[in-house]
Each structure stands twice: as structure tokens, then as C-alpha cells.
Amino acid sequence: MRIYVAGPYTKPNPEKNTERAIFYGDWLKALGFSVYIPHLSHFWDKQIPHEFEFWMEHDFEWLEVCDAVFRFDGESSGADREVAWAKEHGLPVYYTITEIPRPLSK
């Protein structure tokens, strides 16, 4: 299962939020999921900055190929838009790692 990690980026601190997203993504990967962490675009934007809507469009393209969304806590209008998109398109949204169905063993 491909899981999109959604959560705050800018508030209160982009670096700390990116670290949190990586932590959750690594945890999900250890459980057997394929993970997309949009927060890693932080490093791309540091090199070549883009407007907020550029990143939202980029994120929606990734959401199209994911099977579910994991939304971690924190205020975020962008993550809220990602969750709304996911629900609108029938993707399940999980708010705790324990509620995500585990992948079948290989």
C-alpha cells in the first residue's frame, strides 16, 4: 500500500515538521508500506523556490497514485486540503498509525 504522509509544514517550523514527517514515514516503511513524504520538497524549495500552489499541485499529482493518507497532528491548511482531496477521491485517511491495516506478508 502506498501511503501519503500529510501534516504541517510551515507552522511552527519547516525543519522540525520535515523531521516529524520523516519519522512517521520511516515508521510506516518499517511496517511494510511504500511511503511518499511531501515534506522532503523542503530541500528542493531551498535550492529552487516555488510558490505554495506549485507545491499543492505537485502534491495532488502524488495523491493520485497513493492508496491512503496518513495525517499527523498540527495546524496546516495545506494538509487539510490534501485530506479533503483524498476524501473527495475515495482515499482512506488515517490519523493514527495503529488504525492503518497492515500490508499482507510477502
PDB file of N, CA and C in Angstrom:
ATOM      1  N   MET A   1       0.848  -1.174   0.000  1.00  0.00           N
ATOM      2  CA  MET A   1       0.000   0.000   0.000  1.00  0.00           C
ATOM      3  C   MET A   1       0.896   1.241   0.000  1.00  0.00           C
ATOM      4  N   ARG A   2       0.557   2.200  -0.844  1.00  0.00           N
ATOM      5  CA  ARG A   2       1.289   3.470  -0.910  1.00  0.00           C
ATOM      6  C   ARG A   2       0.583   4.496  -0.027  1.00  0.00           C
ATOM      7  N   ILE A   3       1.311   5.021   0.934  1.00  0.00           N
ATOM      8  CA  ILE A   3       0.733   5.976   1.878  1.00  0.00           C
ATOM      9  C   ILE A   3       1.395   7.338   1.738  1.00  0.00           C
ATOM     10  N   TYR A   4       0.557   8.337   1.630  1.00  0.00           N
ATOM     11  CA  TYR A   4       0.966   9.735   1.551  1.00  0.00           C
ATOM     12  C   TYR A   4       0.976  10.301   2.974  1.00  0.00           C
ATOM     13  N   VAL A   5       2.093  10.877   3.391  1.00  0.00           N
ATOM     14  CA  VAL A   5       2.212  11.450   4.731  1.00  0.00           C
ATOM     15  C   VAL A   5       1.851  12.938   4.665  1.00  0.00           C
ATOM     16  N   ALA A   6       0.754  13.313   5.320  1.00  0.00           N
ATOM     17  CA  ALA A   6       0.284  14.701   5.323  1.00  0.00           C
ATOM     18  C   ALA A   6       0.388  15.267   6.735  1.00  0.00           C
ATOM     19  N   GLY A   7       0.823  16.500   6.818  1.00  0.00           N
ATOM     20  CA  GLY A   7       0.913  17.164   8.118  1.00  0.00           C
ATOM     21  C   GLY A   7       1.444  18.560   7.930  1.00  0.00           C
ATOM     22  N   PRO A   8       1.558  19.300   9.013  1.00  0.00           N
ATOM     23  CA  PRO A   8       2.018  20.682   8.910  1.00  0.00           C
ATOM     24  C   PRO A   8       3.427  20.772   8.338  1.00  0.00           C
ATOM     25  N   TYR A   9       3.648  21.836   7.607  1.00  0.00           N
ATOM     26  CA  TYR A   9       4.989  22.113   7.096  1.00  0.00           C
ATOM     27  C   TYR A   9       5.498  23.443   7.660  1.00  0.00           C
ATOM     28  N   THR A  10       4.785  24.518   7.405  1.00  0.00           N
ATOM     29  CA  THR A  10       5.312  25.839   7.769  1.00  0.00           C
ATOM     30  C   THR A  10       5.161  26.184   9.244  1.00  0.00           C
ATOM     31  N   LYS A  11       4.073  25.736   9.877  1.00  0.00           N
ATOM     32  CA  LYS A  11       3.818  26.125  11.264  1.00  0.00           C
ATOM     33  C   LYS A  11       4.173  24.994  12.208  1.00  0.00           C
ATOM     34  N   PRO A  12       4.896  25.151  13.240  1.00  0.00           N
ATOM     35  CA  PRO A  12       5.606  26.380  13.580  1.00  0.00           C
ATOM     36  C   PRO A  12       6.993  26.469  12.947  1.00  0.00           C
ATOM     37  N   ASN A  13       7.517  25.323  12.408  1.00  0.00           N
ATOM     38  CA  ASN A  13       8.886  25.341  11.910  1.00  0.00           C
ATOM     39  C   ASN A  13       9.053  24.292  10.806  1.00  0.00           C
ATOM     40  N   PRO A  14       9.398  24.724   9.584  1.00  0.00           N
ATOM     41  CA  PRO A  14       9.526  23.779   8.469  1.00  0.00           C
ATOM     42  C   PRO A  14      10.523  22.643   8.715  1.00  0.00           C
ATOM     43  N   GLU A  15      11.668  22.940   9.319  1.00  0.00           N
ATOM     44  CA  GLU A  15      12.670  21.902   9.553  1.00  0.00           C
ATOM     45  C   GLU A  15      12.156  20.852  10.538  1.00  0.00           C
ATOM     46  N   LYS A  16      11.564  21.308  11.641  1.00  0.00           N
ATOM     47  CA  LYS A  16      11.046  20.368  12.644  1.00  0.00           C
ATOM     48  C   LYS A  16       9.887  19.541  12.081  1.00  0.00           C
ATOM     49  N   ASN A  17       9.027  20.177  11.302  1.00  0.00           N
ATOM     50  CA  ASN A  17       7.906  19.449  10.697  1.00  0.00           C
ATOM     51  C   ASN A  17       8.388  18.429   9.672  1.00  0.00           C
ATOM     52  N   THR A  18       9.447  18.771   8.935  1.00  0.00           N
ATOM     53  CA  THR A  18      10.028  17.818   7.984  1.00  0.00           C
ATOM     54  C   THR A  18      10.608  16.634   8.745  1.00  0.00           C
ATOM     55  N   GLU A  19      11.277  16.903   9.861  1.00  0.00           N
ATOM     56  CA  GLU A  19      11.804  15.816  10.696  1.00  0.00           C
ATOM     57  C   GLU A  19      10.679  14.910  11.189  1.00  0.00           C
ATOM     58  N   ARG A  20       9.573  15.496  11.623  1.00  0.00           N
ATOM     59  CA  ARG A  20       8.433  14.699  12.087  1.00  0.00           C
ATOM     60  C   ARG A  20       7.879  13.829  10.961  1.00  0.00           C
ATOM     61  N   ALA A  21       7.738  14.423   9.773  1.00  0.00           N
ATOM     62  CA  ALA A  21       7.211  13.665   8.625  1.00  0.00           C
ATOM     63  C   ALA A  21       8.131  12.498   8.286  1.00  0.00           C
ATOM     64  N   ILE A  22       9.441  12.729   8.341  1.00  0.00           N
ATOM     65  CA  ILE A  22      10.401  11.658   8.072  1.00  0.00           C
ATOM     66  C   ILE A  22      10.264  10.558   9.132  1.00  0.00           C
ATOM     67  N   PHE A  23      10.119  10.940  10.384  1.00  0.00           N
ATOM     68  CA  PHE A  23       9.941   9.971  11.462  1.00  0.00           C
ATOM     69  C   PHE A  23       8.727   9.083  11.183  1.00  0.00           C
ATOM     70  N   TYR A  24       7.573   9.711  10.878  1.00  0.00           N
ATOM     71  CA  TYR A  24       6.368   8.930  10.590  1.00  0.00           C
ATOM     72  C   TYR A  24       6.544   8.075   9.338  1.00  0.00           C
ATOM     73  N   GLY A  25       7.161   8.655   8.308  1.00  0.00           N
ATOM     74  CA  GLY A  25       7.386   7.902   7.077  1.00  0.00           C
ATOM     75  C   GLY A  25       8.272   6.691   7.299  1.00  0.00           C
ATOM     76  N   ASP A  26       9.301   6.847   8.109  1.00  0.00           N
ATOM     77  CA  ASP A  26      10.199   5.738   8.393  1.00  0.00           C
ATOM     78  C   ASP A  26       9.476   4.643   9.177  1.00  0.00           C
ATOM     79  N   TRP A  27       8.647   5.067  10.100  1.00  0.00           N
ATOM     80  CA  TRP A  27       7.856   4.120  10.896  1.00  0.00           C
ATOM     81  C   TRP A  27       6.934   3.317   9.978  1.00  0.00           C
ATOM     82  N   LEU A  28       6.243   4.016   9.065  1.00  0.00           N
ATOM     83  CA  LEU A  28       5.350   3.344   8.125  1.00  0.00           C
ATOM     84  C   LEU A  28       6.117   2.404   7.194  1.00  0.00           C
ATOM     85  N   LYS A  29       7.278   2.836   6.749  1.00  0.00           N
ATOM     86  CA  LYS A  29       8.101   1.990   5.877  1.00  0.00           C
ATOM     87  C   LYS A  29       8.524   0.725   6.612  1.00  0.00           C
ATOM     88  N   ALA A  30       8.894   0.851   7.889  1.00  0.00           N
ATOM     89  CA  ALA A  30       9.286  -0.317   8.690  1.00  0.00           C
ATOM     90  C   ALA A  30       8.126  -1.303   8.847  1.00  0.00           C
ATOM     91  N   LEU A  31       6.904  -0.801   8.775  1.00  0.00           N
ATOM     92  CA  LEU A  31       5.724  -1.666   8.865  1.00  0.00           C
ATOM     93  C   LEU A  31       5.376  -2.314   7.524  1.00  0.00           C
ATOM     94  N   GLY A  32       6.108  -1.946   6.461  1.00  0.00           N
ATOM     95  CA  GLY A  32       5.913  -2.592   5.173  1.00  0.00           C
ATOM     96  C   GLY A  32       5.208  -1.769   4.112  1.00  0.00           C
ATOM     97  N   PHE A  33       4.969  -0.499   4.388  1.00  0.00           N
ATOM     98  CA  PHE A  33       4.284   0.358   3.425  1.00  0.00           C
ATOM     99  C   PHE A  33       5.281   1.062   2.508  1.00  0.00           C
ATOM    100  N   SER A  34       4.821   1.448   1.345  1.00  0.00           N
ATOM    101  CA  SER A  34       5.566   2.350   0.472  1.00  0.00           C
ATOM    102  C   SER A  34       5.093   3.753   0.828  1.00  0.00           C
ATOM    103  N   VAL A  35       6.028   4.662   1.052  1.00  0.00           N
ATOM    104  CA  VAL A  35       5.690   5.960   1.648  1.00  0.00           C
ATOM    105  C   VAL A  35       6.123   7.117   0.760  1.00  0.00           C
ATOM    106  N   TYR A  36       5.238   8.102   0.639  1.00  0.00           N
ATOM    107  CA  TYR A  36       5.596   9.373  -0.009  1.00  0.00           C
ATOM    108  C   TYR A  36       5.537  10.465   1.046  1.00  0.00           C
ATOM    109  N   ILE A  37       6.647  11.191   1.208  1.00  0.00           N
ATOM    110  CA  ILE A  37       6.746  12.270   2.194  1.00  0.00           C
ATOM    111  C   ILE A  37       6.904  13.601   1.452  1.00  0.00           C
ATOM    112  N   PRO A  38       5.822  14.357   1.277  1.00  0.00           N
ATOM    113  CA  PRO A  38       5.917  15.613   0.527  1.00  0.00           C
ATOM    114  C   PRO A  38       6.813  16.654   1.195  1.00  0.00           C
ATOM    115  N   HIS A  39       7.021  16.525   2.482  1.00  0.00           N
ATOM    116  CA  HIS A  39       7.867  17.465   3.216  1.00  0.00           C
ATOM    117  C   HIS A  39       9.308  17.466   2.695  1.00  0.00           C
ATOM    118  N   LEU A  40       9.713  16.387   2.034  1.00  0.00           N
ATOM    119  CA  LEU A  40      11.075  16.343   1.510  1.00  0.00           C
ATOM    120  C   LEU A  40      11.284  17.364   0.398  1.00  0.00           C
ATOM    121  N   SER A  41      10.196  17.911  -0.140  1.00  0.00           N
ATOM    122  CA  SER A  41      10.312  19.005  -1.108  1.00  0.00           C
ATOM    123  C   SER A  41      10.928  20.246  -0.459  1.00  0.00           C
ATOM    124  N   HIS A  42      11.007  20.232   0.858  1.00  0.00           N
ATOM    125  CA  HIS A  42      11.656  21.311   1.615  1.00  0.00           C
ATOM    126  C   HIS A  42      13.051  21.591   1.033  1.00  0.00           C
ATOM    127  N   PHE A  43      13.786  20.524   0.732  1.00  0.00           N
ATOM    128  CA  PHE A  43      15.153  20.678   0.238  1.00  0.00           C
ATOM    129  C   PHE A  43      15.179  21.184  -1.203  1.00  0.00           C
ATOM    130  N   TRP A  44      14.221  20.763  -2.007  1.00  0.00           N
ATOM    131  CA  TRP A  44      14.080  21.251  -3.382  1.00  0.00           C
ATOM    132  C   TRP A  44      13.783  22.752  -3.346  1.00  0.00           C
ATOM    133  N   ASP A  45      12.819  23.133  -2.491  1.00  0.00           N
ATOM    134  CA  ASP A  45      12.418  24.542  -2.419  1.00  0.00           C
ATOM    135  C   ASP A  45      13.540  25.426  -1.887  1.00  0.00           C
ATOM    136  N   LYS A  46      14.424  24.874  -1.079  1.00  0.00           N
ATOM    137  CA  LYS A  46      15.588  25.638  -0.598  1.00  0.00           C
ATOM    138  C   LYS A  46      16.511  25.991  -1.766  1.00  0.00           C
ATOM    139  N   GLN A  47      16.642  25.068  -2.720  1.00  0.00           N
ATOM    140  CA  GLN A  47      17.508  25.289  -3.872  1.00  0.00           C
ATOM    141  C   GLN A  47      16.831  26.143  -4.948  1.00  0.00           C
ATOM    142  N   ILE A  48      15.573  25.793  -5.226  1.00  0.00           N
ATOM    143  CA  ILE A  48      14.806  26.488  -6.269  1.00  0.00           C
ATOM    144  C   ILE A  48      13.409  26.745  -5.711  1.00  0.00           C
ATOM    145  N   PRO A  49      13.197  27.914  -5.135  1.00  0.00           N
ATOM    146  CA  PRO A  49      11.898  28.205  -4.512  1.00  0.00           C
ATOM    147  C   PRO A  49      10.753  28.278  -5.533  1.00  0.00           C
ATOM    148  N   HIS A  50       9.594  27.820  -5.068  1.00  0.00           N
ATOM    149  CA  HIS A  50       8.371  27.884  -5.859  1.00  0.00           C
ATOM    150  C   HIS A  50       7.240  28.393  -4.970  1.00  0.00           C
ATOM    151  N   GLU A  51       6.190  28.867  -5.603  1.00  0.00           N
ATOM    152  CA  GLU A  51       5.013  29.342  -4.890  1.00  0.00           C
ATOM    153  C   GLU A  51       4.263  28.163  -4.253  1.00  0.00           C
ATOM    154  N   PHE A  52       3.488  28.468  -3.232  1.00  0.00           N
ATOM    155  CA  PHE A  52       2.715  27.477  -2.496  1.00  0.00           C
ATOM    156  C   PHE A  52       1.861  26.617  -3.416  1.00  0.00           C
ATOM    157  N   GLU A  53       1.167  27.223  -4.377  1.00  0.00           N
ATOM    158  CA  GLU A  53       0.274  26.465  -5.262  1.00  0.00           C
ATOM    159  C   GLU A  53       1.032  25.503  -6.159  1.00  0.00           C
ATOM    160  N   PHE A  54       2.282  25.815  -6.501  1.00  0.00           N
ATOM    161  CA  PHE A  54       3.121  24.869  -7.249  1.00  0.00           C
ATOM    162  C   PHE A  54       3.247  23.573  -6.456  1.00  0.00           C
ATOM    163  N   TRP A  55       3.516  23.710  -5.149  1.00  0.00           N
ATOM    164  CA  TRP A  55       3.689  22.530  -4.301  1.00  0.00           C
ATOM    165  C   TRP A  55       2.375  21.791  -4.096  1.00  0.00           C
ATOM    166  N   MET A  56       1.287  22.520  -3.970  1.00  0.00           N
ATOM    167  CA  MET A  56      -0.003  21.848  -3.805  1.00  0.00           C
ATOM    168  C   MET A  56      -0.335  21.031  -5.054  1.00  0.00           C
ATOM    169  N   GLU A  57      -0.136  21.583  -6.236  1.00  0.00           N
ATOM    170  CA  GLU A  57      -0.395  20.843  -7.474  1.00  0.00           C
ATOM    171  C   GLU A  57       0.498  19.611  -7.558  1.00  0.00           C
ATOM    172  N   HIS A  58       1.755  19.774  -7.187  1.00  0.00           N
ATOM    173  CA  HIS A  58       2.700  18.651  -7.171  1.00  0.00           C
ATOM    174  C   HIS A  58       2.209  17.557  -6.211  1.00  0.00           C
ATOM    175  N   ASP A  59       1.751  17.977  -5.038  1.00  0.00           N
ATOM    176  CA  ASP A  59       1.250  17.026  -4.037  1.00  0.00           C
ATOM    177  C   ASP A  59      -0.006  16.298  -4.522  1.00  0.00           C
ATOM    178  N   PHE A  60      -0.908  17.014  -5.156  1.00  0.00           N
ATOM    179  CA  PHE A  60      -2.127  16.370  -5.660  1.00  0.00           C
ATOM    180  C   PHE A  60      -1.795  15.317  -6.722  1.00  0.00           C
ATOM    181  N   GLU A  61      -0.768  15.572  -7.525  1.00  0.00           N
ATOM    182  CA  GLU A  61      -0.340  14.572  -8.510  1.00  0.00           C
ATOM    183  C   GLU A  61       0.128  13.296  -7.814  1.00  0.00           C
ATOM    184  N   TRP A  62       0.822  13.440  -6.687  1.00  0.00           N
ATOM    185  CA  TRP A  62       1.265  12.265  -5.931  1.00  0.00           C
ATOM    186  C   TRP A  62       0.091  11.587  -5.241  1.00  0.00           C
ATOM    187  N   LEU A  63      -0.844  12.363  -4.749  1.00  0.00           N
ATOM    188  CA  LEU A  63      -2.019  11.767  -4.112  1.00  0.00           C
ATOM    189  C   LEU A  63      -2.770  10.856  -5.087  1.00  0.00           C
ATOM    190  N   GLU A  64      -2.760  11.211  -6.368  1.00  0.00           N
ATOM    191  CA  GLU A  64      -3.454  10.409  -7.380  1.00  0.00           C
ATOM    192  C   GLU A  64      -2.933   8.981  -7.458  1.00  0.00           C
ATOM    193  N   VAL A  65      -1.688   8.749  -7.087  1.00  0.00           N
ATOM    194  CA  VAL A  65      -1.114   7.398  -7.190  1.00  0.00           C
ATOM    195  C   VAL A  65      -0.963   6.719  -5.825  1.00  0.00           C
ATOM    196  N   CYS A  66      -1.427   7.368  -4.778  1.00  0.00           N
ATOM    197  CA  CYS A  66      -1.367   6.767  -3.440  1.00  0.00           C
ATOM    198  C   CYS A  66      -2.672   6.045  -3.124  1.00  0.00           C
ATOM    199  N   ASP A  67      -2.587   5.134  -2.167  1.00  0.00           N
ATOM    200  CA  ASP A  67      -3.743   4.336  -1.765  1.00  0.00           C
ATOM    201  C   ASP A  67      -4.412   4.863  -0.506  1.00  0.00           C
ATOM    202  N   ALA A  68      -3.689   5.661   0.266  1.00  0.00           N
ATOM    203  CA  ALA A  68      -4.209   6.168   1.533  1.00  0.00           C
ATOM    204  C   ALA A  68      -3.380   7.368   1.973  1.00  0.00           C
ATOM    205  N   VAL A  69      -3.909   8.066   2.965  1.00  0.00           N
ATOM    206  CA  VAL A  69      -3.222   9.227   3.546  1.00  0.00           C
ATOM    207  C   VAL A  69      -3.086   9.006   5.045  1.00  0.00           C
ATOM    208  N   PHE A  70      -1.902   9.291   5.551  1.00  0.00           N
ATOM    209  CA  PHE A  70      -1.692   9.350   6.992  1.00  0.00           C
ATOM    210  C   PHE A  70      -1.534  10.829   7.348  1.00  0.00           C
ATOM    211  N   ARG A  71      -2.452  11.350   8.168  1.00  0.00           N
ATOM    212  CA  ARG A  71      -2.431  12.769   8.555  1.00  0.00           C
ATOM    213  C   ARG A  71      -1.957  12.865   9.995  1.00  0.00           C
ATOM    214  N   PHE A  72      -0.751  13.432  10.183  1.00  0.00           N
ATOM    215  CA  PHE A  72      -0.299  13.625  11.555  1.00  0.00           C
ATOM    216  C   PHE A  72      -0.747  14.985  12.059  1.00  0.00           C
ATOM    217  N   ASP A  73      -0.746  15.135  13.365  1.00  0.00           N
ATOM    218  CA  ASP A  73      -1.360  16.284  14.020  1.00  0.00           C
ATOM    219  C   ASP A  73      -0.619  17.591  13.762  1.00  0.00           C
ATOM    220  N   GLY A  74      -1.376  18.661  13.877  1.00  0.00           N
ATOM    221  CA  GLY A  74      -0.842  20.009  13.726  1.00  0.00           C
ATOM    222  C   GLY A  74      -1.648  20.808  12.727  1.00  0.00           C
ATOM    223  N   GLU A  75      -1.676  22.110  12.966  1.00  0.00           N
ATOM    224  CA  GLU A  75      -2.416  23.024  12.099  1.00  0.00           C
ATOM    225  C   GLU A  75      -1.744  23.132  10.734  1.00  0.00           C
ATOM    226  N   SER A  76      -2.540  22.931   9.680  1.00  0.00           N
ATOM    227  CA  SER A  76      -1.995  23.027   8.328  1.00  0.00           C
ATOM    228  C   SER A  76      -3.116  23.150   7.306  1.00  0.00           C
ATOM    229  N   SER A  77      -3.186  24.296   6.661  1.00  0.00           N
ATOM    230  CA  SER A  77      -4.195  24.465   5.610  1.00  0.00           C
ATOM    231  C   SER A  77      -3.864  23.576   4.409  1.00  0.00           C
ATOM    232  N   GLY A  78      -2.572  23.396   4.119  1.00  0.00           N
ATOM    233  CA  GLY A  78      -2.178  22.539   3.002  1.00  0.00           C
ATOM    234  C   GLY A  78      -2.539  21.077   3.248  1.00  0.00           C
ATOM    235  N   ALA A  79      -2.202  20.573   4.443  1.00  0.00           N
ATOM    236  CA  ALA A  79      -2.545  19.178   4.770  1.00  0.00           C
ATOM    237  C   ALA A  79      -4.055  18.999   4.820  1.00  0.00           C
ATOM    238  N   ASP A  80      -4.779  20.019   5.280  1.00  0.00           N
ATOM    239  CA  ASP A  80      -6.239  19.933   5.290  1.00  0.00           C
ATOM    240  C   ASP A  80      -6.780  19.837   3.863  1.00  0.00           C
ATOM    241  N   ARG A  81      -6.172  20.567   2.935  1.00  0.00           N
ATOM    242  CA  ARG A  81      -6.580  20.463   1.526  1.00  0.00           C
ATOM    243  C   ARG A  81      -6.263  19.079   0.965  1.00  0.00           C
ATOM    244  N   GLU A  82      -5.119  18.523   1.341  1.00  0.00           N
ATOM    245  CA  GLU A  82      -4.754  17.184   0.878  1.00  0.00           C
ATOM    246  C   GLU A  82      -5.746  16.140   1.399  1.00  0.00           C
ATOM    247  N   VAL A  83      -6.124  16.262   2.670  1.00  0.00           N
ATOM    248  CA  VAL A  83      -7.101  15.350   3.257  1.00  0.00           C
ATOM    249  C   VAL A  83      -8.448  15.487   2.552  1.00  0.00           C
ATOM    250  N   ALA A  84      -8.871  16.720   2.301  1.00  0.00           N
ATOM    251  CA  ALA A  84     -10.148  16.944   1.599  1.00  0.00           C
ATOM    252  C   ALA A  84     -10.101  16.316   0.205  1.00  0.00           C
ATOM    253  N   TRP A  85      -8.984  16.495  -0.495  1.00  0.00           N
ATOM    254  CA  TRP A  85      -8.827  15.894  -1.829  1.00  0.00           C
ATOM    255  C   TRP A  85      -8.930  14.379  -1.730  1.00  0.00           C
ATOM    256  N   ALA A  86      -8.220  13.806  -0.757  1.00  0.00           N
ATOM    257  CA  ALA A  86      -8.225  12.353  -0.593  1.00  0.00           C
ATOM    258  C   ALA A  86      -9.639  11.837  -0.347  1.00  0.00           C
ATOM    259  N   LYS A  87     -10.356  12.467   0.557  1.00  0.00           N
ATOM    260  CA  LYS A  87     -11.722  12.032   0.864  1.00  0.00           C
ATOM    261  C   LYS A  87     -12.632  12.175  -0.350  1.00  0.00           C
ATOM    262  N   GLU A  88     -12.464  13.268  -1.067  1.00  0.00           N
ATOM    263  CA  GLU A  88     -13.269  13.515  -2.270  1.00  0.00           C
ATOM    264  C   GLU A  88     -13.032  12.437  -3.330  1.00  0.00           C
ATOM    265  N   HIS A  89     -11.822  11.876  -3.340  1.00  0.00           N
ATOM    266  CA  HIS A  89     -11.458  10.878  -4.339  1.00  0.00           C
ATOM    267  C   HIS A  89     -11.476   9.450  -3.777  1.00  0.00           C
ATOM    268  N   GLY A  90     -12.052   9.283  -2.610  1.00  0.00           N
ATOM    269  CA  GLY A  90     -12.267   7.952  -2.056  1.00  0.00           C
ATOM    270  C   GLY A  90     -11.067   7.298  -1.393  1.00  0.00           C
ATOM    271  N   LEU A  91     -10.029   8.072  -1.096  1.00  0.00           N
ATOM    272  CA  LEU A  91      -8.874   7.503  -0.406  1.00  0.00           C
ATOM    273  C   LEU A  91      -9.130   7.505   1.102  1.00  0.00           C
ATOM    274  N   PRO A  92      -8.797   6.422   1.783  1.00  0.00           N
ATOM    275  CA  PRO A  92      -8.933   6.443   3.239  1.00  0.00           C
ATOM    276  C   PRO A  92      -7.897   7.384   3.865  1.00  0.00           C
ATOM    277  N   VAL A  93      -8.295   8.024   4.941  1.00  0.00           N
ATOM    278  CA  VAL A  93      -7.408   8.921   5.679  1.00  0.00           C
ATOM    279  C   VAL A  93      -7.299   8.376   7.093  1.00  0.00           C
ATOM    280  N   TYR A  94      -6.061   8.173   7.535  1.00  0.00           N
ATOM    281  CA  TYR A  94      -5.799   7.649   8.870  1.00  0.00           C
ATOM    282  C   TYR A  94      -5.116   8.721   9.713  1.00  0.00           C
ATOM    283  N   TYR A  95      -5.466   8.742  10.986  1.00  0.00           N
ATOM    284  CA  TYR A  95      -4.933   9.755  11.895  1.00  0.00           C
ATOM    285  C   TYR A  95      -4.015   9.161  12.964  1.00  0.00           C
ATOM    286  N   THR A  96      -3.985   7.829  13.059  1.00  0.00           N
ATOM    287  CA  THR A  96      -3.030   7.147  13.923  1.00  0.00           C
ATOM    288  C   THR A  96      -2.467   5.967  13.145  1.00  0.00           C
ATOM    289  N   ILE A  97      -1.238   5.640  13.414  1.00  0.00           N
ATOM    290  CA  ILE A  97      -0.604   4.540  12.696  1.00  0.00           C
ATOM    291  C   ILE A  97      -1.280   3.216  13.027  1.00  0.00           C
ATOM    292  N   THR A  98      -1.788   3.078  14.241  1.00  0.00           N
ATOM    293  CA  THR A  98      -2.397   1.808  14.639  1.00  0.00           C
ATOM    294  C   THR A  98      -3.690   1.497  13.896  1.00  0.00           C
ATOM    295  N   GLU A  99      -4.360   2.496  13.342  1.00  0.00           N
ATOM    296  CA  GLU A  99      -5.608   2.226  12.629  1.00  0.00           C
ATOM    297  C   GLU A  99      -5.395   1.841  11.166  1.00  0.00           C
ATOM    298  N   ILE A 100      -4.163   1.912  10.673  1.00  0.00           N
ATOM    299  CA  ILE A 100      -3.888   1.574   9.286  1.00  0.00           C
ATOM    300  C   ILE A 100      -3.794   0.055   9.152  1.00  0.00           C
ATOM    301  N   PRO A 101      -4.579  -0.550   8.239  1.00  0.00           N
ATOM    302  CA  PRO A 101      -4.466  -2.001   8.031  1.00  0.00           C
ATOM    303  C   PRO A 101      -3.051  -2.374   7.596  1.00  0.00           C
ATOM    304  N   ARG A 102      -2.508  -3.390   8.196  1.00  0.00           N
ATOM    305  CA  ARG A 102      -1.140  -3.820   7.873  1.00  0.00           C
ATOM    306  C   ARG A 102      -1.091  -4.506   6.515  1.00  0.00           C
ATOM    307  N   PRO A 103       0.024  -4.315   5.797  1.00  0.00           N
ATOM    308  CA  PRO A 103       0.168  -4.989   4.499  1.00  0.00           C
ATOM    309  C   PRO A 103       0.228  -6.511   4.703  1.00  0.00           C
ATOM    310  N   LEU A 104      -0.210  -7.227   3.699  1.00  0.00           N
ATOM    311  CA  LEU A 104      -0.109  -8.681   3.736  1.00  0.00           C
ATOM    312  C   LEU A 104       1.352  -9.082   3.681  1.00  0.00           C
ATOM    313  N   SER A 105       1.688 -10.150   4.361  1.00  0.00           N
ATOM    314  CA  SER A 105       3.064 -10.665   4.348  1.00  0.00           C
ATOM    315  C   SER A 105       3.414 -11.117   2.934  1.00  0.00           C
ATOM    316  N   LYS A 106       4.684 -11.001   2.610  1.00  0.00           N
ATOM    317  CA  LYS A 106       5.149 -11.415   1.277  1.00  0.00           C
ATOM    318  C   LYS A 106       5.331 -12.900   1.229  1.00  0.00           C
TER     319      LYS A 106
END
